[in-house]
Amino acid sequence: MTDSHASEPVKPIDLRKLPPPEPMLVIMDAIADPVPACGYWAFLLPRFPQPLVSMLADRGLDYRVEPEENYDGVLMRIAPEFPEED
């Protein structure tokens, strides 16, 4: 029997309705905490957060952003590192 809970995704924090700069402030506050058990933080955003990219790089964090079909906006995942994708 395998432990399927170890790779379960974290429920994203929905920041789509917050006015700027609140989403960025919430993200910066969240990434100050230890990394969740799944290995990344996840956020729903109304658009790609360009100003955040350099701040993440300065902290040694990687990110993935993808359109979210079930939501209006994008899903951003942030982690110390992501496994190499094939």
C-alpha atoms as a PDB file:
ATOM      1  CA  MET A   1       0.000   0.000   0.000  1.00  0.00           C
ATOM      2  CA  THR A   2       1.443   3.371  -0.971  1.00  0.00           C
ATOM      3  CA  ASP A   3       1.042   6.607   0.938  1.00  0.00           C
ATOM      4  CA  SER A   4      -0.917   8.745  -1.484  1.00  0.00           C
ATOM      5  CA  HIS A   5      -1.227  11.595   1.027  1.00  0.00           C
ATOM      6  CA  ALA A   6       2.475  12.476   0.751  1.00  0.00           C
ATOM      7  CA  SER A   7       2.041  13.793  -2.779  1.00  0.00           C
ATOM      8  CA  GLU A   8      -1.413  15.323  -2.372  1.00  0.00           C
ATOM      9  CA  PRO A   9      -1.428  18.933  -3.528  1.00  0.00           C
ATOM     10  CA  VAL A  10      -2.001  21.684  -1.024  1.00  0.00           C
ATOM     11  CA  LYS A  11      -5.238  23.658  -1.385  1.00  0.00           C
ATOM     12  CA  PRO A  12      -4.269  26.999  -2.952  1.00  0.00           C
ATOM     13  CA  ILE A  13      -4.865  30.248  -1.087  1.00  0.00           C
ATOM     14  CA  ASP A  14      -7.280  32.313  -3.174  1.00  0.00           C
ATOM     15  CA  LEU A  15      -5.943  35.865  -3.578  1.00  0.00           C
ATOM     16  CA  ARG A  16      -7.833  36.797  -6.748  1.00  0.00           C
ATOM     17  CA  LYS A  17     -10.193  39.300  -5.129  1.00  0.00           C
ATOM     18  CA  LEU A  18      -7.619  41.203  -3.104  1.00  0.00           C
ATOM     19  CA  PRO A  19      -6.491  44.609  -4.391  1.00  0.00           C
ATOM     20  CA  PRO A  20      -2.776  45.211  -5.029  1.00  0.00           C
ATOM     21  CA  PRO A  21      -0.426  44.966  -3.207  1.00  0.00           C
ATOM     22  CA  GLU A  22      -2.270  42.646  -0.791  1.00  0.00           C
ATOM     23  CA  PRO A  23      -1.695  39.404  -2.751  1.00  0.00           C
ATOM     24  CA  MET A  24       2.049  40.021  -2.753  1.00  0.00           C
ATOM     25  CA  LEU A  25       2.024  40.801   0.974  1.00  0.00           C
ATOM     26  CA  VAL A  26       0.081  37.618   1.748  1.00  0.00           C
ATOM     27  CA  ILE A  27       2.504  35.547  -0.347  1.00  0.00           C
ATOM     28  CA  MET A  28       5.569  37.109   1.282  1.00  0.00           C
ATOM     29  CA  ASP A  29       4.091  36.408   4.713  1.00  0.00           C
ATOM     30  CA  ALA A  30       3.245  32.799   3.778  1.00  0.00           C
ATOM     31  CA  ILE A  31       6.704  31.973   2.428  1.00  0.00           C
ATOM     32  CA  ALA A  32       8.240  33.128   5.711  1.00  0.00           C
ATOM     33  CA  ASP A  33       6.659  30.002   7.267  1.00  0.00           C
ATOM     34  CA  PRO A  34       8.090  26.493   6.866  1.00  0.00           C
ATOM     35  CA  VAL A  35       7.355  24.792   3.540  1.00  0.00           C
ATOM     36  CA  PRO A  36       4.134  22.728   3.689  1.00  0.00           C
ATOM     37  CA  ALA A  37       4.456  18.932   3.754  1.00  0.00           C
ATOM     38  CA  CYS A  38       3.711  18.701   0.020  1.00  0.00           C
ATOM     39  CA  GLY A  39       6.877  20.749  -0.666  1.00  0.00           C
ATOM     40  CA  TYR A  40       5.354  23.974  -1.982  1.00  0.00           C
ATOM     41  CA  TRP A  41       2.975  26.842  -1.317  1.00  0.00           C
ATOM     42  CA  ALA A  42       0.094  27.418  -3.752  1.00  0.00           C
ATOM     43  CA  PHE A  43      -1.843  30.578  -4.587  1.00  0.00           C
ATOM     44  CA  LEU A  44      -4.642  31.518  -6.964  1.00  0.00           C
ATOM     45  CA  LEU A  45      -3.978  34.904  -8.555  1.00  0.00           C
ATOM     46  CA  PRO A  46      -5.834  36.991 -11.132  1.00  0.00           C
ATOM     47  CA  ARG A  47      -2.715  37.259 -13.346  1.00  0.00           C
ATOM     48  CA  PHE A  48       1.003  36.489 -13.502  1.00  0.00           C
ATOM     49  CA  PRO A  49       2.677  38.337 -10.586  1.00  0.00           C
ATOM     50  CA  GLN A  50       5.706  39.806 -12.390  1.00  0.00           C
ATOM     51  CA  PRO A  51       6.843  42.052  -9.471  1.00  0.00           C
ATOM     52  CA  LEU A  52       7.050  38.979  -7.236  1.00  0.00           C
ATOM     53  CA  VAL A  53       9.485  37.047  -9.459  1.00  0.00           C
ATOM     54  CA  SER A  54      12.653  38.898  -8.424  1.00  0.00           C
ATOM     55  CA  MET A  55      11.642  38.765  -4.751  1.00  0.00           C
ATOM     56  CA  LEU A  56      11.336  34.984  -4.954  1.00  0.00           C
ATOM     57  CA  ALA A  57      14.693  34.693  -6.716  1.00  0.00           C
ATOM     58  CA  ASP A  58      16.319  36.854  -4.007  1.00  0.00           C
ATOM     59  CA  ARG A  59      15.062  34.326  -1.440  1.00  0.00           C
ATOM     60  CA  GLY A  60      16.293  31.315  -3.421  1.00  0.00           C
ATOM     61  CA  LEU A  61      12.786  30.158  -4.283  1.00  0.00           C
ATOM     62  CA  ASP A  62      11.531  28.672  -7.530  1.00  0.00           C
ATOM     63  CA  TYR A  63       8.030  29.001  -8.949  1.00  0.00           C
ATOM     64  CA  ARG A  64       5.634  27.509 -11.448  1.00  0.00           C
ATOM     65  CA  VAL A  65       2.670  29.409 -12.898  1.00  0.00           C
ATOM     66  CA  GLU A  66      -0.028  27.802 -14.980  1.00  0.00           C
ATOM     67  CA  PRO A  67      -3.462  28.839 -16.193  1.00  0.00           C
ATOM     68  CA  GLU A  68      -6.102  27.394 -13.937  1.00  0.00           C
ATOM     69  CA  GLU A  69      -8.980  25.984 -15.947  1.00  0.00           C
ATOM     70  CA  ASN A  70     -11.311  25.659 -12.952  1.00  0.00           C
ATOM     71  CA  TYR A  71     -10.748  29.243 -11.840  1.00  0.00           C
ATOM     72  CA  ASP A  72     -10.452  32.684 -13.348  1.00  0.00           C
ATOM     73  CA  GLY A  73      -6.737  33.371 -13.123  1.00  0.00           C
ATOM     74  CA  VAL A  74      -3.505  31.474 -12.609  1.00  0.00           C
ATOM     75  CA  LEU A  75      -2.202  28.960 -10.119  1.00  0.00           C
ATOM     76  CA  MET A  76       1.221  29.839  -8.724  1.00  0.00           C
ATOM     77  CA  ARG A  77       3.249  27.248  -6.839  1.00  0.00           C
ATOM     78  CA  ILE A  78       6.356  28.332  -4.926  1.00  0.00           C
ATOM     79  CA  ALA A  79       9.030  25.996  -3.562  1.00  0.00           C
ATOM     80  CA  PRO A  80      12.694  25.895  -2.604  1.00  0.00           C
ATOM     81  CA  GLU A  81      13.046  23.688  -5.697  1.00  0.00           C
ATOM     82  CA  PHE A  82      10.863  21.577  -7.950  1.00  0.00           C
ATOM     83  CA  PRO A  83      11.849  18.142  -9.220  1.00  0.00           C
ATOM     84  CA  GLU A  84      13.126  18.110 -12.778  1.00  0.00           C
ATOM     85  CA  GLU A  85      10.317  17.550 -15.237  1.00  0.00           C
ATOM     86  CA  ASP A  86      10.771  15.168 -18.154  1.00  0.00           C
END
